């Protein structure tokens, strides 16, 4: 018997599948509202033609964002991007965002392409980010994305939903990055495989859209298929500045049965750090204080937004980065770069000794823009610390909040950022 109490995500999938309801475990074929391809996935175009594709189903519902190799660091990368540009031209795809536009997840938000109730599929696992807007966002491989380009549809198994309630008062020096790292460390990297992770609770009301995006982004590191935050006035105020279209907001039925319901009191959380070489290898940052650093890295779809550059500028105002530590700063998008310029953050960071890199994925992917040598140690605001993730497999990556990254860049060693922030 179909459960008539539906979660908002189930209602989104039911709408996209043209059905009144869906149930957990059911296979449904859904119309995709937006499909995004990044420059890692030239294979998507090859697969499209291998499947007999001639014309994409709707060029207005497909976007290409050249972010991972931006700008190209090798001849092969340049060739891949060249073929993608030509494909977009041939297919009439106008939503091509070339090098310098930024990381796909931030660009799509900046450009008003993300809205509540939509199904968004991209060739990037961190598409879970868009649950922060009440959308169903998920990542797929090249073949699945090619199917969408041909047909406009893709099948999904309706996932279970885990509810995580956040209560309490966030301590000074603690950010969304610390909260989600604590949760991942507590639950493990495989806890939410093919599940939706929903965040709720009184703490959410005080979190900005940027911080909500951090929570949702890193559910991928728990194995999540998607994430979800119920849109509220904070969401709507943000969307009023970005989205110029109608959209439908879905709400979960009050008696919906979650597969699990968890609760965390954030008052008890201190700044966290994910140690090499697994994201769920999490401990309080105090355990690693004093560890010398070769590089501090501020950027990515997790930690490169205007707020992140702002907190770093606040910590480094009038100071200098440690002489033996490189501080690499990568705005998440051109829009973030321009906002940060206007607010003076870029000037402050560069004067403090930061090296500014073109908006995009940069060293988060480990191919350019600040990659690490053997044995080097880096503290990073990114979302992964696997061996070789940011360069040499012998390097060590510690994940932390933007505040911790900036404070550590200042000292040349890992430090707790709380003491570097003014009292509220």
Protein backbone atom coordinates (compact mmCIF):
# COMPACT_ATOMS: atom_id res chain seq x y z
CA UNK A 1 0.00 0.00 0.00
CA UNK A 2 1.36 3.42 -0.96
CA UNK A 3 2.09 5.70 2.01
CA UNK A 4 -0.19 8.70 1.52
CA UNK A 5 1.95 10.81 3.84
CA UNK A 6 4.51 12.26 1.48
CA UNK A 7 7.78 14.06 2.07
CA UNK A 8 8.41 17.24 0.09
CA UNK A 9 11.12 15.42 -1.91
CA UNK A 10 8.65 12.68 -2.79
CA UNK A 11 6.22 15.35 -3.96
CA UNK A 12 8.94 16.88 -6.14
CA UNK A 13 9.67 13.50 -7.73
CA UNK A 14 5.97 12.74 -8.13
CA UNK A 15 5.44 16.04 -9.91
CA UNK A 16 8.41 15.37 -12.19
CA UNK A 17 7.15 11.85 -12.89
CA UNK A 18 3.60 12.99 -13.60
CA UNK A 19 2.19 10.88 -10.74
CA UNK A 20 -0.04 11.81 -7.81
CA UNK A 21 2.24 10.09 -5.27
CA UNK A 22 5.38 7.98 -5.09
CA UNK A 23 6.69 5.64 -2.41
CA UNK A 24 10.15 4.82 -1.05
CA UNK A 25 11.92 2.27 -3.22
CA UNK A 26 9.73 2.89 -6.26
CA UNK A 27 11.48 3.42 -9.61
CA UNK A 28 10.19 6.55 -11.32
CA UNK A 29 11.09 8.26 -14.59
CA UNK A 30 11.29 11.99 -13.99
CA UNK A 31 11.42 15.01 -16.22
CA UNK A 32 14.61 16.91 -15.41
CA UNK A 33 14.23 20.68 -15.10
CA UNK A 34 17.92 21.47 -15.55
CA UNK A 35 20.90 19.33 -16.56
CA UNK A 36 24.43 20.63 -16.03
CA UNK A 37 27.70 19.34 -17.51
CA UNK A 38 31.13 20.43 -16.29
CA UNK A 39 34.38 20.25 -18.20
CA UNK A 40 35.45 16.95 -16.64
CA UNK A 41 32.78 15.19 -18.67
CA UNK A 42 33.51 15.41 -22.38
CA UNK A 43 32.37 11.77 -22.35
CA UNK A 44 28.81 13.09 -21.99
CA UNK A 45 28.97 14.47 -25.51
CA UNK A 46 30.55 11.29 -26.84
CA UNK A 47 27.87 9.16 -25.18
CA UNK A 48 25.15 11.44 -26.56
CA UNK A 49 26.33 10.75 -30.12
CA UNK A 50 26.98 7.05 -29.39
CA UNK A 51 23.30 6.77 -28.39
CA UNK A 52 22.30 8.18 -31.75
CA UNK A 53 21.68 11.68 -30.46
CA UNK A 54 21.44 14.46 -33.01
CA UNK A 55 19.65 17.32 -31.23
CA UNK A 56 19.36 17.78 -27.46
CA UNK A 57 15.82 17.60 -26.10
CA UNK A 58 15.70 21.25 -24.99
CA UNK A 59 18.76 23.52 -25.20
CA UNK A 60 17.21 25.89 -22.67
CA UNK A 61 17.25 23.19 -19.99
CA UNK A 62 20.93 22.28 -20.41
CA UNK A 63 23.93 24.21 -19.15
CA UNK A 64 27.65 23.67 -19.58
CA UNK A 65 29.97 25.21 -16.97
CA UNK A 66 33.73 25.11 -17.50
CA UNK A 67 34.93 25.16 -13.92
CA UNK A 68 37.22 22.26 -13.05
CA UNK A 69 39.94 23.15 -15.57
CA UNK A 70 39.51 26.91 -15.53
CA UNK A 71 41.58 28.14 -17.22
CA UNK A 72 42.98 25.05 -18.95
CA UNK A 73 46.31 23.87 -17.56
CA UNK A 74 47.10 21.25 -20.23
CA UNK A 75 46.58 20.86 -23.97
CA UNK A 76 44.09 18.02 -23.36
CA UNK A 77 42.02 20.19 -21.04
CA UNK A 78 42.02 22.95 -23.63
CA UNK A 79 40.89 20.50 -26.33
CA UNK A 80 38.07 19.22 -24.11
CA UNK A 81 36.82 22.73 -23.44
CA UNK A 82 37.06 23.58 -27.14
CA UNK A 83 34.82 20.62 -28.03
CA UNK A 84 32.30 21.60 -25.36
CA UNK A 85 32.10 25.17 -26.67
CA UNK A 86 31.52 23.85 -30.19
CA UNK A 87 28.85 21.42 -28.99
CA UNK A 88 26.96 24.24 -27.28
CA UNK A 89 27.20 26.36 -30.42
CA UNK A 90 26.00 23.52 -32.65
CA UNK A 91 23.14 22.59 -30.30
CA UNK A 92 21.94 26.11 -29.55
CA UNK A 93 22.80 25.78 -25.87
CA UNK A 94 23.06 29.37 -24.66
CA UNK A 95 23.70 28.53 -21.01
CA UNK A 96 27.44 28.09 -21.50
CA UNK A 97 29.47 29.58 -18.66
CA UNK A 98 33.09 29.70 -19.73
CA UNK A 99 36.30 29.86 -17.71
CA UNK A 100 36.27 32.41 -14.92
CA UNK A 101 32.53 32.06 -14.30
CA UNK A 102 33.18 29.94 -11.22
CA UNK A 103 32.19 26.62 -9.68
CA UNK A 104 29.05 25.13 -11.25
CA UNK A 105 27.05 24.95 -8.00
CA UNK A 106 27.64 28.62 -7.23
CA UNK A 107 27.21 29.79 -10.83
CA UNK A 108 23.80 28.14 -11.18
CA UNK A 109 22.65 29.87 -8.00
CA UNK A 110 24.11 33.23 -9.04
CA UNK A 111 22.38 33.00 -12.41
CA UNK A 112 18.95 32.25 -10.92
CA UNK A 113 18.81 28.74 -12.37
CA UNK A 114 18.06 27.05 -9.03
CA UNK A 115 14.65 27.26 -7.37
CA UNK A 116 12.39 25.26 -5.02
CA UNK A 117 10.59 22.19 -6.33
CA UNK A 118 12.89 21.58 -9.29
CA UNK A 119 14.81 18.45 -10.32
CA UNK A 120 18.41 19.41 -11.04
CA UNK A 121 20.92 16.81 -12.26
CA UNK A 122 24.61 17.53 -12.85
CA UNK A 123 27.86 15.69 -13.52
CA UNK A 124 29.10 16.52 -10.04
CA UNK A 125 28.41 14.66 -6.82
CA UNK A 126 28.07 17.86 -4.79
CA UNK A 127 24.85 18.81 -6.59
CA UNK A 128 23.29 17.97 -3.21
CA UNK A 129 24.13 21.64 -2.51
CA UNK A 130 20.85 22.72 -4.06
CA UNK A 131 18.73 21.08 -1.42
CA UNK A 132 19.41 24.34 0.41
CA UNK A 133 16.75 25.87 -1.86
CA UNK A 134 14.16 23.12 -1.53
CA UNK A 135 15.22 21.52 -4.83
CA UNK A 136 16.03 17.90 -5.61
CA UNK A 137 19.65 18.11 -6.72
CA UNK A 138 21.80 15.08 -7.45
CA UNK A 139 24.92 14.09 -9.33
CA UNK A 140 25.27 11.47 -12.08
CA UNK A 141 27.89 10.17 -14.49
CA UNK A 142 28.38 10.89 -18.17
CA UNK A 143 26.05 8.20 -19.53
CA UNK A 144 23.09 9.23 -17.38
CA UNK A 145 23.58 12.87 -18.29
CA UNK A 146 23.73 11.93 -21.97
CA UNK A 147 20.37 10.18 -21.56
CA UNK A 148 18.93 13.40 -20.15
CA UNK A 149 20.34 15.43 -23.04
CA UNK A 150 18.59 13.05 -25.45
CA UNK A 151 15.28 12.53 -23.68
CA UNK A 152 14.90 15.14 -20.96
CA UNK A 153 14.25 12.38 -18.44
CA UNK A 154 16.06 10.04 -16.06
CA UNK A 155 14.96 7.28 -13.71
CA UNK A 156 15.40 7.45 -9.95
CA UNK A 157 14.68 5.11 -7.07
CA UNK A 158 12.67 7.13 -4.55
CA UNK A 159 15.04 7.50 -1.58
CA UNK A 160 14.46 7.23 2.13
CA UNK A 161 14.70 10.48 4.09
CA UNK A 162 16.78 11.08 7.22
CA UNK A 163 15.77 14.04 9.37
CA UNK A 164 18.52 15.92 11.25
CA UNK A 165 17.32 18.53 13.74
CA UNK A 166 19.76 21.22 14.83
CA UNK A 167 19.08 22.97 18.13
CA UNK A 168 20.97 25.16 20.57
CA UNK A 169 23.15 28.23 20.10
CA UNK A 170 26.15 28.23 17.77
CA UNK A 171 29.32 29.08 19.75
CA UNK A 172 31.74 31.76 18.61
CA UNK A 173 34.20 30.37 16.07
CA UNK A 174 31.82 27.62 14.95
CA UNK A 175 30.31 27.63 11.47
CA UNK A 176 28.17 25.38 9.30
CA UNK A 177 31.36 23.61 8.17
CA UNK A 178 32.09 22.63 11.77
CA UNK A 179 28.54 21.41 12.30
CA UNK A 180 28.46 19.21 9.22
CA UNK A 181 31.97 17.86 9.88
CA UNK A 182 30.86 16.93 13.41
CA UNK A 183 27.81 15.13 12.03
CA UNK A 184 29.82 13.28 9.37
CA UNK A 185 32.37 12.25 11.98
CA UNK A 186 29.59 11.01 14.22
CA UNK A 187 27.62 9.11 11.58
CA UNK A 188 30.34 7.99 9.16
CA UNK A 189 30.94 8.37 5.43
CA UNK A 190 28.50 5.61 4.47
CA UNK A 191 25.57 6.50 6.73
CA UNK A 192 23.28 8.12 4.16
CA UNK A 193 24.00 6.13 1.00
CA UNK A 194 21.18 6.82 -1.52
CA UNK A 195 19.18 8.69 1.09
CA UNK A 196 17.96 12.27 1.36
CA UNK A 197 19.31 14.17 4.35
CA UNK A 198 16.93 16.87 5.57
CA UNK A 199 18.09 19.59 7.95
CA UNK A 200 15.61 21.34 10.23
CA UNK A 201 15.33 22.87 13.67
CA UNK A 202 15.68 26.32 15.23
CA UNK A 203 19.35 26.70 14.28
CA UNK A 204 18.38 26.78 10.59
CA UNK A 205 16.45 30.01 11.07
CA UNK A 206 19.67 31.82 11.95
CA UNK A 207 21.76 30.38 9.14
CA UNK A 208 22.35 32.33 5.94
CA UNK A 209 21.78 30.78 2.53
CA UNK A 210 25.54 30.43 2.18
CA UNK A 211 25.81 28.41 5.40
CA UNK A 212 22.82 26.25 4.43
CA UNK A 213 24.57 25.46 1.14
CA UNK A 214 27.57 24.20 3.14
CA UNK A 215 25.41 21.78 5.11
CA UNK A 216 23.74 20.43 2.00
CA UNK A 217 26.92 20.29 -0.06
CA UNK A 218 28.69 18.00 2.34
CA UNK A 219 25.88 15.48 2.72
CA UNK A 220 27.62 13.96 -0.30
CA UNK A 221 30.40 12.96 2.11
CA UNK A 222 27.81 10.85 3.97
CA UNK A 223 26.79 9.15 0.73
CA UNK A 224 23.54 11.10 0.31
CA UNK A 225 21.62 11.06 -2.95
CA UNK A 226 20.21 14.51 -2.22
CA UNK A 227 19.58 16.91 0.64
CA UNK A 228 16.71 19.14 1.66
CA UNK A 229 15.94 22.27 3.68
CA UNK A 230 12.38 23.53 3.71
CA UNK A 231 12.30 26.97 2.05
CA UNK A 232 11.50 29.82 4.43
CA UNK A 233 11.62 33.61 4.36
CA UNK A 234 15.44 33.57 4.26
CA UNK A 235 15.23 31.42 1.13
CA UNK A 236 12.55 33.54 -0.49
CA UNK A 237 14.37 36.81 0.20
CA UNK A 238 17.48 35.41 -1.48
CA UNK A 239 15.51 34.05 -4.43
CA UNK A 240 13.76 37.37 -4.99
CA UNK A 241 17.12 38.79 -5.99
CA UNK A 242 17.97 35.91 -8.34
CA UNK A 243 15.05 33.97 -9.80
CA UNK A 244 12.73 35.44 -12.43
CA UNK A 245 10.26 32.61 -12.85
CA UNK A 246 7.38 30.95 -11.05
CA UNK A 247 8.11 27.92 -8.90
CA UNK A 248 6.25 25.56 -6.62
CA UNK A 249 7.17 25.07 -2.97
CA UNK A 250 6.38 21.63 -1.58
CA UNK A 251 5.97 20.80 2.09
CA UNK A 252 6.15 17.46 3.84
CA UNK A 253 2.97 16.05 5.32
CA UNK A 254 2.93 16.35 9.14
CA UNK A 255 2.70 12.60 9.72
CA UNK A 256 5.46 11.63 7.31
CA UNK A 257 7.52 8.68 8.58
CA UNK A 258 11.27 9.29 8.32
CA UNK A 259 13.70 6.39 8.06
CA UNK A 260 15.60 8.00 10.95
CA UNK A 261 15.30 11.12 13.08
CA UNK A 262 18.46 12.53 14.66
CA UNK A 263 19.09 15.58 16.82
CA UNK A 264 22.24 17.58 17.53
CA UNK A 265 22.70 20.37 20.07
CA UNK A 266 25.17 22.68 18.32
CA UNK A 267 25.91 24.43 21.62
CA UNK A 268 28.17 21.48 22.42
CA UNK A 269 30.17 21.68 19.18
CA UNK A 270 33.57 23.34 19.02
CA UNK A 271 35.55 24.09 15.85
CA UNK A 272 36.17 20.82 14.03
CA UNK A 273 38.81 19.46 11.69
CA UNK A 274 38.75 16.51 9.29
CA UNK A 275 42.15 14.83 9.26
CA UNK A 276 43.75 12.82 6.44
CA UNK A 277 42.70 10.81 4.60
CA UNK A 278 38.94 10.50 5.07
CA UNK A 279 36.29 13.16 5.55
CA UNK A 280 34.75 11.27 8.47
CA UNK A 281 38.08 11.27 10.34
CA UNK A 282 36.88 14.21 12.43
CA UNK A 283 38.08 15.60 15.75
CA UNK A 284 38.06 18.93 17.60
CA UNK A 285 40.58 21.31 16.05
CA UNK A 286 42.29 21.60 19.43
CA UNK A 287 43.70 18.11 18.90
CA UNK A 288 45.76 19.36 15.97
CA UNK A 289 46.68 22.87 17.17
CA UNK A 290 50.29 23.75 16.48
CA UNK A 291 50.70 21.53 13.40
CA UNK A 292 52.86 23.42 10.88
CA UNK A 293 51.34 24.26 7.51
CA UNK A 294 52.77 24.66 4.03
CA UNK A 295 49.50 25.95 2.58
CA UNK A 296 46.12 27.30 3.60
CA UNK A 297 43.41 27.10 0.95
CA UNK A 298 40.21 29.15 0.95
CA UNK A 299 37.77 28.32 -1.83
CA UNK A 300 35.52 25.73 -3.53
CA UNK A 301 31.77 25.17 -3.64
CA UNK A 302 31.97 24.59 0.12
CA UNK A 303 34.08 27.49 1.33
CA UNK A 304 34.60 30.13 -1.35
CA UNK A 305 31.55 32.36 -1.07
CA UNK A 306 31.45 36.04 -0.20
CA UNK A 307 30.76 35.35 3.49
CA UNK A 308 33.77 33.05 3.61
CA UNK A 309 36.11 35.63 2.10
CA UNK A 310 34.58 38.15 4.47
CA UNK A 311 35.39 36.23 7.63
CA UNK A 312 38.93 35.63 6.34
CA UNK A 313 39.36 39.36 5.65
CA UNK A 314 38.07 40.15 9.12
CA UNK A 315 40.74 37.92 10.68
CA UNK A 316 43.59 39.13 8.45
CA UNK A 317 42.80 42.86 8.38
CA UNK A 318 46.04 44.77 8.82
CA UNK A 319 48.07 41.57 9.32
CA UNK A 320 50.36 39.36 7.24
CA UNK A 321 50.17 35.67 6.34
CA UNK A 322 52.95 33.62 7.94
CA UNK A 323 56.14 33.76 5.87
CA UNK A 324 56.42 29.97 5.52
CA UNK A 325 52.76 29.38 4.59
CA UNK A 326 51.12 29.98 1.21
CA UNK A 327 47.58 31.32 1.38
CA UNK A 328 45.60 30.53 -1.76
CA UNK A 329 42.19 32.21 -2.18
CA UNK A 330 39.73 31.13 -4.88
CA UNK A 331 36.35 32.91 -5.12
CA UNK A 332 33.56 30.44 -5.87
CA UNK A 333 32.29 32.53 -8.78
CA UNK A 334 32.80 35.75 -10.71
CA UNK A 335 29.84 37.18 -8.82
CA UNK A 336 31.51 36.33 -5.50
CA UNK A 337 34.73 37.91 -6.75
CA UNK A 338 32.96 41.14 -7.73
CA UNK A 339 30.99 41.30 -4.47
CA UNK A 340 34.16 40.73 -2.48
CA UNK A 341 35.99 43.41 -4.46
CA UNK A 342 33.22 45.90 -3.73
CA UNK A 343 33.25 45.05 -0.02
CA UNK A 344 37.03 45.37 0.19
CA UNK A 345 37.68 41.73 1.07
CA UNK A 346 39.92 41.05 -1.92
CA UNK A 347 42.07 44.09 -1.18
CA UNK A 348 42.46 43.06 2.46
CA UNK A 349 43.38 39.46 1.61
CA UNK A 350 45.86 40.34 -1.13
CA UNK A 351 47.55 42.94 1.08
CA UNK A 352 47.80 40.28 3.78
CA UNK A 353 49.75 38.08 1.37
CA UNK A 354 47.07 35.90 -0.21
CA UNK A 355 47.49 34.54 -3.73
CA UNK A 356 44.28 35.10 -5.69
CA UNK A 357 43.22 32.43 -8.22
CA UNK A 358 40.62 32.59 -11.03
CA UNK A 359 37.10 31.65 -9.81
CA UNK A 360 36.54 27.92 -10.26
CA UNK A 361 37.47 24.57 -8.72
CA UNK A 362 41.25 25.14 -8.94
CA UNK A 363 43.29 22.96 -6.55
CA UNK A 364 40.22 21.32 -5.01
CA UNK A 365 40.43 18.96 -7.97
CA UNK A 366 44.19 18.59 -7.75
CA UNK A 367 45.11 19.61 -11.29
CA UNK A 368 46.08 23.29 -11.06
CA UNK A 369 45.78 26.51 -9.08
CA UNK A 370 47.69 25.62 -5.92
CA UNK A 371 48.31 21.87 -5.92
CA UNK A 372 50.45 20.25 -3.22
CA UNK A 373 53.85 18.58 -3.35
CA UNK A 374 54.86 15.37 -1.60
CA UNK A 375 54.75 15.62 2.18
CA UNK A 376 53.16 19.06 2.25
CA UNK A 377 50.44 19.89 4.76
CA UNK A 378 47.41 22.00 3.87
CA UNK A 379 44.39 23.27 5.79
CA UNK A 380 41.48 23.73 3.39
CA UNK A 381 37.88 24.93 3.31
CA UNK A 382 37.10 22.35 0.60
CA UNK A 383 35.02 19.19 1.02
CA UNK A 384 37.42 16.27 0.42
CA UNK A 385 40.81 15.20 1.77
CA UNK A 386 41.41 11.89 0.00
CA UNK A 387 45.00 10.99 -0.99
CA UNK A 388 45.93 12.96 -4.11
CA UNK A 389 42.83 15.12 -3.94
CA UNK A 390 44.81 18.38 -4.08
CA UNK A 391 47.95 17.14 -5.79
CA UNK A 392 50.52 14.61 -4.62
CA UNK A 393 49.16 11.51 -2.88
CA UNK A 394 51.78 12.03 -0.20
CA UNK A 395 50.37 15.42 0.80
CA UNK A 396 48.10 15.79 3.84
CA UNK A 397 44.85 17.77 3.73
CA UNK A 398 42.96 18.95 6.81
CA UNK A 399 39.43 20.23 6.26
CA UNK A 400 38.13 23.10 8.36
CA UNK A 401 35.99 26.24 8.29
CA UNK A 402 37.04 29.37 6.36
CA UNK A 403 37.72 31.06 9.71
CA UNK A 404 40.06 28.28 10.78
CA UNK A 405 41.81 28.40 7.40
CA UNK A 406 42.40 32.16 7.65
CA UNK A 407 43.57 32.10 11.27
CA UNK A 408 45.89 29.20 10.52
CA UNK A 409 47.31 31.02 7.49
CA UNK A 410 48.11 33.92 9.79
CA UNK A 411 49.97 31.75 12.28
CA UNK A 412 51.51 29.22 9.87
CA UNK A 413 50.05 26.41 11.95
CA UNK A 414 46.63 25.00 12.78
CA UNK A 415 44.83 27.13 15.36
CA UNK A 416 41.36 27.50 16.83
CA UNK A 417 39.79 30.52 15.08
CA UNK A 418 37.59 31.56 18.01
CA UNK A 419 40.29 33.75 19.55
CA UNK A 420 40.80 35.61 16.27
CA UNK A 421 37.20 36.76 15.98
CA UNK A 422 35.81 39.85 17.63
CA UNK A 423 33.17 39.34 20.27
CA UNK A 424 29.64 39.78 18.92
